[in-house]
Amino acid sequence: MTKKPEIIIASGDDDQRIQALLYGIEEEEIPFKVTTVAVEEPIARAYESAIESQLSVGIAYDQSFAYLHFKNLPPETPLFKVSLDDQDQLNRLGANAARLVKGVPFKEIE
């Protein structure tokens, strides 16, 4: 079975908390898939998602933060880390995941 080119998002306990992130990806028109990744630590889960992704981009989250990872970065160093409480920044994180795929400039993240 051939894998589809999509951003892989490792799901957590409450997928409703990342709705703004998903909207950010959708606005940039890049496909994504929310799935389970069998790794406990969220940064490692984001990295494994990037490795699994045909687009080399993965996202994971825990109770407090969402992490955007790229497969060419060191496993312990995500590209971005954003609080789940900041919906605007979460939306920008999703957009930046898609922009990483497209090779266009990132939206600013604080």
PDB file of N, CA and C in Angstrom:
ATOM      1  N   MET A   1       0.831  -1.183   0.000  1.00  0.00           N
ATOM      2  CA  MET A   1       0.000   0.000   0.000  1.00  0.00           C
ATOM      3  C   MET A   1       0.880   1.253   0.000  1.00  0.00           C
ATOM      4  N   THR A   2       0.633   2.149  -0.915  1.00  0.00           N
ATOM      5  CA  THR A   2       1.386   3.388  -1.015  1.00  0.00           C
ATOM      6  C   THR A   2       0.854   4.411  -0.029  1.00  0.00           C
ATOM      7  N   LYS A   3       1.789   5.072   0.663  1.00  0.00           N
ATOM      8  CA  LYS A   3       1.389   6.117   1.598  1.00  0.00           C
ATOM      9  C   LYS A   3       1.038   7.381   0.840  1.00  0.00           C
ATOM     10  N   LYS A   4      -0.019   8.066   1.284  1.00  0.00           N
ATOM     11  CA  LYS A   4      -0.400   9.337   0.692  1.00  0.00           C
ATOM     12  C   LYS A   4       0.532  10.433   1.206  1.00  0.00           C
ATOM     13  N   PRO A   5       0.843  11.425   0.370  1.00  0.00           N
ATOM     14  CA  PRO A   5       1.630  12.556   0.874  1.00  0.00           C
ATOM     15  C   PRO A   5       0.756  13.441   1.761  1.00  0.00           C
ATOM     16  N   GLU A   6       1.035  13.416   3.060  1.00  0.00           N
ATOM     17  CA  GLU A   6       0.255  14.194   4.014  1.00  0.00           C
ATOM     18  C   GLU A   6       1.073  14.454   5.266  1.00  0.00           C
ATOM     19  N   ILE A   7       0.724  15.515   5.958  1.00  0.00           N
ATOM     20  CA  ILE A   7       1.314  15.807   7.261  1.00  0.00           C
ATOM     21  C   ILE A   7       0.705  14.822   8.252  1.00  0.00           C
ATOM     22  N   ILE A   8       1.541  14.209   9.083  1.00  0.00           N
ATOM     23  CA  ILE A   8       1.058  13.251  10.081  1.00  0.00           C
ATOM     24  C   ILE A   8       0.945  13.966  11.430  1.00  0.00           C
ATOM     25  N   ILE A   9      -0.235  13.867  12.026  1.00  0.00           N
ATOM     26  CA  ILE A   9      -0.484  14.450  13.342  1.00  0.00           C
ATOM     27  C   ILE A   9      -0.755  13.309  14.311  1.00  0.00           C
ATOM     28  N   ALA A  10       0.140  13.169  15.293  1.00  0.00           N
ATOM     29  CA  ALA A  10      -0.025  12.130  16.307  1.00  0.00           C
ATOM     30  C   ALA A  10      -1.087  12.590  17.290  1.00  0.00           C
ATOM     31  N   SER A  11      -2.175  11.859  17.356  1.00  0.00           N
ATOM     32  CA  SER A  11      -3.297  12.281  18.197  1.00  0.00           C
ATOM     33  C   SER A  11      -2.971  12.125  19.670  1.00  0.00           C
ATOM     34  N   GLY A  12      -3.672  12.905  20.465  1.00  0.00           N
ATOM     35  CA  GLY A  12      -3.522  12.860  21.917  1.00  0.00           C
ATOM     36  C   GLY A  12      -4.854  12.515  22.547  1.00  0.00           C
ATOM     37  N   ASP A  13      -5.020  12.937  23.784  1.00  0.00           N
ATOM     38  CA  ASP A  13      -6.233  12.618  24.524  1.00  0.00           C
ATOM     39  C   ASP A  13      -7.455  13.351  24.000  1.00  0.00           C
ATOM     40  N   ASP A  14      -7.272  14.601  23.561  1.00  0.00           N
ATOM     41  CA  ASP A  14      -8.416  15.437  23.198  1.00  0.00           C
ATOM     42  C   ASP A  14      -8.144  16.162  21.885  1.00  0.00           C
ATOM     43  N   ASP A  15      -8.586  15.585  20.789  1.00  0.00           N
ATOM     44  CA  ASP A  15      -8.336  16.172  19.480  1.00  0.00           C
ATOM     45  C   ASP A  15      -9.056  17.499  19.280  1.00  0.00           C
ATOM     46  N   GLN A  16     -10.089  17.791  20.081  1.00  0.00           N
ATOM     47  CA  GLN A  16     -10.794  19.068  19.976  1.00  0.00           C
ATOM     48  C   GLN A  16      -9.869  20.244  20.302  1.00  0.00           C
ATOM     49  N   ARG A  17      -8.868  20.009  21.111  1.00  0.00           N
ATOM     50  CA  ARG A  17      -7.954  21.087  21.522  1.00  0.00           C
ATOM     51  C   ARG A  17      -7.085  21.586  20.377  1.00  0.00           C
ATOM     52  N   ILE A  18      -6.952  20.812  19.315  1.00  0.00           N
ATOM     53  CA  ILE A  18      -6.082  21.214  18.204  1.00  0.00           C
ATOM     54  C   ILE A  18      -6.867  21.651  16.970  1.00  0.00           C
ATOM     55  N   GLN A  19      -8.133  21.958  17.133  1.00  0.00           N
ATOM     56  CA  GLN A  19      -8.965  22.343  15.994  1.00  0.00           C
ATOM     57  C   GLN A  19      -8.379  23.532  15.230  1.00  0.00           C
ATOM     58  N   ALA A  20      -7.864  24.541  15.939  1.00  0.00           N
ATOM     59  CA  ALA A  20      -7.273  25.717  15.284  1.00  0.00           C
ATOM     60  C   ALA A  20      -6.053  25.321  14.461  1.00  0.00           C
ATOM     61  N   LEU A  21      -5.286  24.359  14.962  1.00  0.00           N
ATOM     62  CA  LEU A  21      -4.121  23.863  14.229  1.00  0.00           C
ATOM     63  C   LEU A  21      -4.560  23.214  12.912  1.00  0.00           C
ATOM     64  N   LEU A  22      -5.593  22.402  12.974  1.00  0.00           N
ATOM     65  CA  LEU A  22      -6.097  21.734  11.767  1.00  0.00           C
ATOM     66  C   LEU A  22      -6.608  22.757  10.752  1.00  0.00           C
ATOM     67  N   TYR A  23      -7.268  23.799  11.236  1.00  0.00           N
ATOM     68  CA  TYR A  23      -7.745  24.856  10.341  1.00  0.00           C
ATOM     69  C   TYR A  23      -6.570  25.543   9.643  1.00  0.00           C
ATOM     70  N   GLY A  24      -5.480  25.751  10.376  1.00  0.00           N
ATOM     71  CA  GLY A  24      -4.290  26.373   9.789  1.00  0.00           C
ATOM     72  C   GLY A  24      -3.725  25.559   8.646  1.00  0.00           C
ATOM     73  N   ILE A  25      -3.699  24.245   8.812  1.00  0.00           N
ATOM     74  CA  ILE A  25      -3.217  23.370   7.729  1.00  0.00           C
ATOM     75  C   ILE A  25      -4.193  23.420   6.556  1.00  0.00           C
ATOM     76  N   GLU A  26      -5.488  23.326   6.846  1.00  0.00           N
ATOM     77  CA  GLU A  26      -6.502  23.345   5.787  1.00  0.00           C
ATOM     78  C   GLU A  26      -6.452  24.631   4.978  1.00  0.00           C
ATOM     79  N   GLU A  27      -6.226  25.774   5.640  1.00  0.00           N
ATOM     80  CA  GLU A  27      -6.160  27.060   4.945  1.00  0.00           C
ATOM     81  C   GLU A  27      -5.042  27.078   3.908  1.00  0.00           C
ATOM     82  N   GLU A  28      -3.975  26.330   4.167  1.00  0.00           N
ATOM     83  CA  GLU A  28      -2.840  26.266   3.239  1.00  0.00           C
ATOM     84  C   GLU A  28      -2.994  25.135   2.217  1.00  0.00           C
ATOM     85  N   GLU A  29      -4.090  24.394   2.328  1.00  0.00           N
ATOM     86  CA  GLU A  29      -4.459  23.356   1.356  1.00  0.00           C
ATOM     87  C   GLU A  29      -3.438  22.224   1.217  1.00  0.00           C
ATOM     88  N   ILE A  30      -2.930  21.764   2.360  1.00  0.00           N
ATOM     89  CA  ILE A  30      -2.028  20.606   2.388  1.00  0.00           C
ATOM     90  C   ILE A  30      -2.757  19.474   3.124  1.00  0.00           C
ATOM     91  N   PRO A  31      -2.753  18.269   2.576  1.00  0.00           N
ATOM     92  CA  PRO A  31      -3.445  17.160   3.250  1.00  0.00           C
ATOM     93  C   PRO A  31      -2.754  16.749   4.550  1.00  0.00           C
ATOM     94  N   PHE A  32      -3.552  16.258   5.482  1.00  0.00           N
ATOM     95  CA  PHE A  32      -3.023  15.779   6.758  1.00  0.00           C
ATOM     96  C   PHE A  32      -3.834  14.575   7.213  1.00  0.00           C
ATOM     97  N   LYS A  33      -3.241  13.849   8.152  1.00  0.00           N
ATOM     98  CA  LYS A  33      -3.913  12.690   8.741  1.00  0.00           C
ATOM     99  C   LYS A  33      -3.643  12.696  10.234  1.00  0.00           C
ATOM    100  N   VAL A  34      -4.692  12.547  11.030  1.00  0.00           N
ATOM    101  CA  VAL A  34      -4.554  12.406  12.477  1.00  0.00           C
ATOM    102  C   VAL A  34      -4.554  10.904  12.770  1.00  0.00           C
ATOM    103  N   THR A  35      -3.515  10.445  13.449  1.00  0.00           N
ATOM    104  CA  THR A  35      -3.353   9.012  13.685  1.00  0.00           C
ATOM    105  C   THR A  35      -2.672   8.777  15.028  1.00  0.00           C
ATOM    106  N   THR A  36      -2.596   7.547  15.435  1.00  0.00           N
ATOM    107  CA  THR A  36      -1.909   7.171  16.665  1.00  0.00           C
ATOM    108  C   THR A  36      -0.469   6.802  16.356  1.00  0.00           C
ATOM    109  N   VAL A  37       0.463   7.321  17.155  1.00  0.00           N
ATOM    110  CA  VAL A  37       1.878   6.982  17.036  1.00  0.00           C
ATOM    111  C   VAL A  37       2.302   6.429  18.391  1.00  0.00           C
ATOM    112  N   ALA A  38       2.839   5.219  18.391  1.00  0.00           N
ATOM    113  CA  ALA A  38       3.127   4.506  19.643  1.00  0.00           C
ATOM    114  C   ALA A  38       4.444   4.948  20.274  1.00  0.00           C
ATOM    115  N   VAL A  39       4.519   6.228  20.615  1.00  0.00           N
ATOM    116  CA  VAL A  39       5.670   6.781  21.324  1.00  0.00           C
ATOM    117  C   VAL A  39       5.108   7.656  22.436  1.00  0.00           C
ATOM    118  N   GLU A  40       5.647   7.530  23.637  1.00  0.00           N
ATOM    119  CA  GLU A  40       5.083   8.229  24.794  1.00  0.00           C
ATOM    120  C   GLU A  40       5.384   9.726  24.805  1.00  0.00           C
ATOM    121  N   GLU A  41       6.645  10.094  24.646  1.00  0.00           N
ATOM    122  CA  GLU A  41       7.077  11.481  24.794  1.00  0.00           C
ATOM    123  C   GLU A  41       6.654  12.307  23.570  1.00  0.00           C
ATOM    124  N   PRO A  42       6.033  13.489  23.743  1.00  0.00           N
ATOM    125  CA  PRO A  42       5.447  14.217  22.619  1.00  0.00           C
ATOM    126  C   PRO A  42       6.439  14.719  21.563  1.00  0.00           C
ATOM    127  N   ILE A  43       7.626  15.167  21.958  1.00  0.00           N
ATOM    128  CA  ILE A  43       8.595  15.622  20.957  1.00  0.00           C
ATOM    129  C   ILE A  43       9.065  14.437  20.122  1.00  0.00           C
ATOM    130  N   ALA A  44       9.310  13.307  20.765  1.00  0.00           N
ATOM    131  CA  ALA A  44       9.694  12.091  20.033  1.00  0.00           C
ATOM    132  C   ALA A  44       8.553  11.631  19.130  1.00  0.00           C
ATOM    133  N   ARG A  45       7.312  11.795  19.592  1.00  0.00           N
ATOM    134  CA  ARG A  45       6.144  11.421  18.789  1.00  0.00           C
ATOM    135  C   ARG A  45       6.036  12.321  17.558  1.00  0.00           C
ATOM    136  N   ALA A  46       6.325  13.606  17.726  1.00  0.00           N
ATOM    137  CA  ALA A  46       6.311  14.530  16.589  1.00  0.00           C
ATOM    138  C   ALA A  46       7.385  14.146  15.580  1.00  0.00           C
ATOM    139  N   TYR A  47       8.559  13.779  16.083  1.00  0.00           N
ATOM    140  CA  TYR A  47       9.654  13.368  15.191  1.00  0.00           C
ATOM    141  C   TYR A  47       9.289  12.086  14.441  1.00  0.00           C
ATOM    142  N   GLU A  48       8.742  11.108  15.140  1.00  0.00           N
ATOM    143  CA  GLU A  48       8.325   9.862  14.488  1.00  0.00           C
ATOM    144  C   GLU A  48       7.242  10.125  13.437  1.00  0.00           C
ATOM    145  N   SER A  49       6.367  11.079  13.714  1.00  0.00           N
ATOM    146  CA  SER A  49       5.344  11.453  12.745  1.00  0.00           C
ATOM    147  C   SER A  49       5.983  12.048  11.492  1.00  0.00           C
ATOM    148  N   ALA A  50       7.016  12.871  11.681  1.00  0.00           N
ATOM    149  CA  ALA A  50       7.734  13.456  10.541  1.00  0.00           C
ATOM    150  C   ALA A  50       8.426  12.375   9.719  1.00  0.00           C
ATOM    151  N   ILE A  51       9.007  11.389  10.399  1.00  0.00           N
ATOM    152  CA  ILE A  51       9.663  10.273   9.703  1.00  0.00           C
ATOM    153  C   ILE A  51       8.631   9.482   8.900  1.00  0.00           C
ATOM    154  N   GLU A  52       7.453   9.289   9.471  1.00  0.00           N
ATOM    155  CA  GLU A  52       6.379   8.520   8.840  1.00  0.00           C
ATOM    156  C   GLU A  52       5.750   9.261   7.657  1.00  0.00           C
ATOM    157  N   SER A  53       5.765  10.595   7.703  1.00  0.00           N
ATOM    158  CA  SER A  53       5.110  11.425   6.690  1.00  0.00           C
ATOM    159  C   SER A  53       5.874  11.426   5.368  1.00  0.00           C
ATOM    160  N   GLN A  54       5.160  11.244   4.266  1.00  0.00           N
ATOM    161  CA  GLN A  54       5.758  11.377   2.933  1.00  0.00           C
ATOM    162  C   GLN A  54       6.246  12.811   2.718  1.00  0.00           C
ATOM    163  N   LEU A  55       5.681  13.765   3.443  1.00  0.00           N
ATOM    164  CA  LEU A  55       6.047  15.179   3.319  1.00  0.00           C
ATOM    165  C   LEU A  55       7.117  15.596   4.331  1.00  0.00           C
ATOM    166  N   SER A  56       7.544  14.657   5.180  1.00  0.00           N
ATOM    167  CA  SER A  56       8.607  14.880   6.175  1.00  0.00           C
ATOM    168  C   SER A  56       8.227  15.839   7.294  1.00  0.00           C
ATOM    169  N   VAL A  57       6.919  16.041   7.518  1.00  0.00           N
ATOM    170  CA  VAL A  57       6.445  16.970   8.541  1.00  0.00           C
ATOM    171  C   VAL A  57       5.517  16.228   9.497  1.00  0.00           C
ATOM    172  N   GLY A  58       5.787  16.373  10.796  1.00  0.00           N
ATOM    173  CA  GLY A  58       4.952  15.735  11.808  1.00  0.00           C
ATOM    174  C   GLY A  58       4.617  16.686  12.937  1.00  0.00           C
ATOM    175  N   ILE A  59       3.475  16.436  13.550  1.00  0.00           N
ATOM    176  CA  ILE A  59       3.009  17.241  14.687  1.00  0.00           C
ATOM    177  C   ILE A  59       2.544  16.287  15.779  1.00  0.00           C
ATOM    178  N   ALA A  60       2.825  16.660  17.010  1.00  0.00           N
ATOM    179  CA  ALA A  60       2.290  15.922  18.163  1.00  0.00           C
ATOM    180  C   ALA A  60       1.984  16.942  19.255  1.00  0.00           C
ATOM    181  N   TYR A  61       1.212  16.516  20.237  1.00  0.00           N
ATOM    182  CA  TYR A  61       0.878  17.419  21.336  1.00  0.00           C
ATOM    183  C   TYR A  61       0.651  16.634  22.609  1.00  0.00           C
ATOM    184  N   ASP A  62       0.765  17.373  23.716  1.00  0.00           N
ATOM    185  CA  ASP A  62       0.472  16.802  25.027  1.00  0.00           C
ATOM    186  C   ASP A  62      -0.605  17.680  25.663  1.00  0.00           C
ATOM    187  N   GLN A  63      -0.701  17.707  26.973  1.00  0.00           N
ATOM    188  CA  GLN A  63      -1.737  18.501  27.636  1.00  0.00           C
ATOM    189  C   GLN A  63      -1.503  20.007  27.536  1.00  0.00           C
ATOM    190  N   SER A  64      -0.264  20.420  27.258  1.00  0.00           N
ATOM    191  CA  SER A  64       0.071  21.842  27.289  1.00  0.00           C
ATOM    192  C   SER A  64       0.529  22.433  25.968  1.00  0.00           C
ATOM    193  N   PHE A  65       1.256  21.652  25.165  1.00  0.00           N
ATOM    194  CA  PHE A  65       1.903  22.199  23.977  1.00  0.00           C
ATOM    195  C   PHE A  65       1.703  21.319  22.744  1.00  0.00           C
ATOM    196  N   ALA A  66       1.803  21.964  21.584  1.00  0.00           N
ATOM    197  CA  ALA A  66       1.869  21.254  20.300  1.00  0.00           C
ATOM    198  C   ALA A  66       3.274  21.467  19.752  1.00  0.00           C
ATOM    199  N   TYR A  67       3.814  20.453  19.106  1.00  0.00           N
ATOM    200  CA  TYR A  67       5.177  20.467  18.594  1.00  0.00           C
ATOM    201  C   TYR A  67       5.161  20.154  17.104  1.00  0.00           C
ATOM    202  N   LEU A  68       5.845  20.980  16.325  1.00  0.00           N
ATOM    203  CA  LEU A  68       6.002  20.757  14.894  1.00  0.00           C
ATOM    204  C   LEU A  68       7.420  20.283  14.648  1.00  0.00           C
ATOM    205  N   HIS A  69       7.552  19.154  13.961  1.00  0.00           N
ATOM    206  CA  HIS A  69       8.873  18.582  13.705  1.00  0.00           C
ATOM    207  C   HIS A  69       9.073  18.341  12.219  1.00  0.00           C
ATOM    208  N   PHE A  70      10.342  18.337  11.817  1.00  0.00           N
ATOM    209  CA  PHE A  70      10.755  18.059  10.441  1.00  0.00           C
ATOM    210  C   PHE A  70      11.784  16.950  10.489  1.00  0.00           C
ATOM    211  N   LYS A  71      11.700  16.007   9.561  1.00  0.00           N
ATOM    212  CA  LYS A  71      12.534  14.803   9.666  1.00  0.00           C
ATOM    213  C   LYS A  71      14.032  15.073   9.582  1.00  0.00           C
ATOM    214  N   ASN A  72      14.451  16.201   9.006  1.00  0.00           N
ATOM    215  CA  ASN A  72      15.880  16.495   8.888  1.00  0.00           C
ATOM    216  C   ASN A  72      16.463  17.194  10.111  1.00  0.00           C
ATOM    217  N   LEU A  73      15.636  17.472  11.107  1.00  0.00           N
ATOM    218  CA  LEU A  73      16.120  18.081  12.345  1.00  0.00           C
ATOM    219  C   LEU A  73      16.522  16.992  13.341  1.00  0.00           C
ATOM    220  N   PRO A  74      17.378  17.335  14.322  1.00  0.00           N
ATOM    221  CA  PRO A  74      17.692  16.358  15.373  1.00  0.00           C
ATOM    222  C   PRO A  74      16.398  15.943  16.090  1.00  0.00           C
ATOM    223  N   PRO A  75      16.262  14.670  16.450  1.00  0.00           N
ATOM    224  CA  PRO A  75      15.026  14.165  17.061  1.00  0.00           C
ATOM    225  C   PRO A  75      14.545  14.960  18.278  1.00  0.00           C
ATOM    226  N   GLU A  76      15.468  15.514  19.063  1.00  0.00           N
ATOM    227  CA  GLU A  76      15.087  16.212  20.295  1.00  0.00           C
ATOM    228  C   GLU A  76      14.809  17.707  20.079  1.00  0.00           C
ATOM    229  N   THR A  77      14.870  18.168  18.815  1.00  0.00           N
ATOM    230  CA  THR A  77      14.746  19.599  18.525  1.00  0.00           C
ATOM    231  C   THR A  77      13.603  19.885  17.554  1.00  0.00           C
ATOM    232  N   PRO A  78      12.379  20.091  18.074  1.00  0.00           N
ATOM    233  CA  PRO A  78      11.277  20.426  17.167  1.00  0.00           C
ATOM    234  C   PRO A  78      11.473  21.821  16.572  1.00  0.00           C
ATOM    235  N   LEU A  79      10.864  22.059  15.436  1.00  0.00           N
ATOM    236  CA  LEU A  79      10.962  23.358  14.770  1.00  0.00           C
ATOM    237  C   LEU A  79      10.192  24.428  15.541  1.00  0.00           C
ATOM    238  N   PHE A  80       8.986  24.084  16.010  1.00  0.00           N
ATOM    239  CA  PHE A  80       8.158  25.022  16.767  1.00  0.00           C
ATOM    240  C   PHE A  80       7.489  24.305  17.938  1.00  0.00           C
ATOM    241  N   LYS A  81       7.246  25.085  19.006  1.00  0.00           N
ATOM    242  CA  LYS A  81       6.506  24.618  20.174  1.00  0.00           C
ATOM    243  C   LYS A  81       5.516  25.722  20.527  1.00  0.00           C
ATOM    244  N   VAL A  82       4.222  25.373  20.605  1.00  0.00           N
ATOM    245  CA  VAL A  82       3.176  26.372  20.834  1.00  0.00           C
ATOM    246  C   VAL A  82       2.233  25.872  21.926  1.00  0.00           C
ATOM    247  N   SER A  83       1.787  26.798  22.778  1.00  0.00           N
ATOM    248  CA  SER A  83       0.834  26.465  23.825  1.00  0.00           C
ATOM    249  C   SER A  83      -0.530  26.135  23.229  1.00  0.00           C
ATOM    250  N   LEU A  84      -1.164  25.088  23.743  1.00  0.00           N
ATOM    251  CA  LEU A  84      -2.510  24.728  23.278  1.00  0.00           C
ATOM    252  C   LEU A  84      -3.542  25.764  23.712  1.00  0.00           C
ATOM    253  N   ASP A  85      -3.190  26.628  24.655  1.00  0.00           N
ATOM    254  CA  ASP A  85      -4.120  27.648  25.132  1.00  0.00           C
ATOM    255  C   ASP A  85      -4.193  28.868  24.214  1.00  0.00           C
ATOM    256  N   ASP A  86      -3.239  29.003  23.284  1.00  0.00           N
ATOM    257  CA  ASP A  86      -3.196  30.158  22.393  1.00  0.00           C
ATOM    258  C   ASP A  86      -3.692  29.733  21.006  1.00  0.00           C
ATOM    259  N   GLN A  87      -4.978  29.948  20.763  1.00  0.00           N
ATOM    260  CA  GLN A  87      -5.595  29.480  19.519  1.00  0.00           C
ATOM    261  C   GLN A  87      -4.991  30.135  18.280  1.00  0.00           C
ATOM    262  N   ASP A  88      -4.642  31.412  18.358  1.00  0.00           N
ATOM    263  CA  ASP A  88      -4.041  32.097  17.217  1.00  0.00           C
ATOM    264  C   ASP A  88      -2.686  31.489  16.867  1.00  0.00           C
ATOM    265  N   GLN A  89      -1.861  31.267  17.887  1.00  0.00           N
ATOM    266  CA  GLN A  89      -0.541  30.675  17.652  1.00  0.00           C
ATOM    267  C   GLN A  89      -0.666  29.224  17.185  1.00  0.00           C
ATOM    268  N   LEU A  90      -1.658  28.526  17.679  1.00  0.00           N
ATOM    269  CA  LEU A  90      -1.908  27.146  17.254  1.00  0.00           C
ATOM    270  C   LEU A  90      -2.300  27.111  15.771  1.00  0.00           C
ATOM    271  N   ASN A  91      -3.123  28.074  15.362  1.00  0.00           N
ATOM    272  CA  ASN A  91      -3.497  28.185  13.954  1.00  0.00           C
ATOM    273  C   ASN A  91      -2.267  28.458  13.091  1.00  0.00           C
ATOM    274  N   ARG A  92      -1.394  29.331  13.566  1.00  0.00           N
ATOM    275  CA  ARG A  92      -0.164  29.647  12.832  1.00  0.00           C
ATOM    276  C   ARG A  92       0.758  28.424  12.763  1.00  0.00           C
ATOM    277  N   LEU A  93       0.775  27.626  13.814  1.00  0.00           N
ATOM    278  CA  LEU A  93       1.587  26.405  13.801  1.00  0.00           C
ATOM    279  C   LEU A  93       1.116  25.478  12.688  1.00  0.00           C
ATOM    280  N   GLY A  94      -0.203  25.307  12.568  1.00  0.00           N
ATOM    281  CA  GLY A  94      -0.742  24.486  11.491  1.00  0.00           C
ATOM    282  C   GLY A  94      -0.396  25.039  10.127  1.00  0.00           C
ATOM    283  N   ALA A  95      -0.547  26.348   9.975  1.00  0.00           N
ATOM    284  CA  ALA A  95      -0.193  26.994   8.702  1.00  0.00           C
ATOM    285  C   ALA A  95       1.290  26.800   8.403  1.00  0.00           C
ATOM    286  N   ASN A  96       2.140  26.915   9.432  1.00  0.00           N
ATOM    287  CA  ASN A  96       3.577  26.759   9.224  1.00  0.00           C
ATOM    288  C   ASN A  96       3.961  25.330   8.865  1.00  0.00           C
ATOM    289  N   ALA A  97       3.230  24.360   9.384  1.00  0.00           N
ATOM    290  CA  ALA A  97       3.473  22.971   8.979  1.00  0.00           C
ATOM    291  C   ALA A  97       3.251  22.842   7.478  1.00  0.00           C
ATOM    292  N   ALA A  98       2.154  23.422   6.995  1.00  0.00           N
ATOM    293  CA  ALA A  98       1.847  23.371   5.566  1.00  0.00           C
ATOM    294  C   ALA A  98       2.846  24.198   4.762  1.00  0.00           C
ATOM    295  N   ARG A  99       3.249  25.336   5.284  1.00  0.00           N
ATOM    296  CA  ARG A  99       4.203  26.195   4.587  1.00  0.00           C
ATOM    297  C   ARG A  99       5.580  25.543   4.508  1.00  0.00           C
ATOM    298  N   LEU A 100       5.929  24.745   5.495  1.00  0.00           N
ATOM    299  CA  LEU A 100       7.179  23.983   5.447  1.00  0.00           C
ATOM    300  C   LEU A 100       7.155  23.047   4.245  1.00  0.00           C
ATOM    301  N   VAL A 101       6.020  22.413   4.018  1.00  0.00           N
ATOM    302  CA  VAL A 101       5.861  21.524   2.869  1.00  0.00           C
ATOM    303  C   VAL A 101       5.975  22.316   1.568  1.00  0.00           C
ATOM    304  N   LYS A 102       5.328  23.478   1.513  1.00  0.00           N
ATOM    305  CA  LYS A 102       5.289  24.283   0.291  1.00  0.00           C
ATOM    306  C   LYS A 102       6.581  25.060   0.030  1.00  0.00           C
ATOM    307  N   GLY A 103       7.396  25.215   1.073  1.00  0.00           N
ATOM    308  CA  GLY A 103       8.642  25.957   0.903  1.00  0.00           C
ATOM    309  C   GLY A 103       8.435  27.462   0.823  1.00  0.00           C
ATOM    310  N   VAL A 104       7.419  27.960   1.523  1.00  0.00           N
ATOM    311  CA  VAL A 104       7.169  29.409   1.553  1.00  0.00           C
ATOM    312  C   VAL A 104       7.426  29.930   2.970  1.00  0.00           C
ATOM    313  N   PRO A 105       7.605  31.249   3.126  1.00  0.00           N
ATOM    314  CA  PRO A 105       7.931  31.793   4.459  1.00  0.00           C
ATOM    315  C   PRO A 105       6.879  31.463   5.521  1.00  0.00           C
ATOM    316  N   PHE A 106       7.385  31.295   6.736  1.00  0.00           N
ATOM    317  CA  PHE A 106       6.519  30.973   7.875  1.00  0.00           C
ATOM    318  C   PHE A 106       5.746  32.196   8.337  1.00  0.00           C
ATOM    319  N   LYS A 107       4.602  31.943   8.977  1.00  0.00           N
ATOM    320  CA  LYS A 107       3.918  32.974   9.743  1.00  0.00           C
ATOM    321  C   LYS A 107       4.668  33.101  11.063  1.00  0.00           C
ATOM    322  N   GLU A 108       4.673  34.305  11.626  1.00  0.00           N
ATOM    323  CA  GLU A 108       5.424  34.539  12.859  1.00  0.00           C
ATOM    324  C   GLU A 108       4.768  33.831  14.046  1.00  0.00           C
ATOM    325  N   ILE A 109       5.595  33.150  14.820  1.00  0.00           N
ATOM    326  CA  ILE A 109       5.164  32.496  16.060  1.00  0.00           C
ATOM    327  C   ILE A 109       5.968  33.105  17.191  1.00  0.00           C
ATOM    328  N   GLU A 110       5.242  33.500  18.242  1.00  0.00           N
ATOM    329  CA  GLU A 110       5.904  34.125  19.394  1.00  0.00           C
ATOM    330  C   GLU A 110       6.542  33.102  20.288  1.00  0.00           C
TER     331      GLU A 110
END
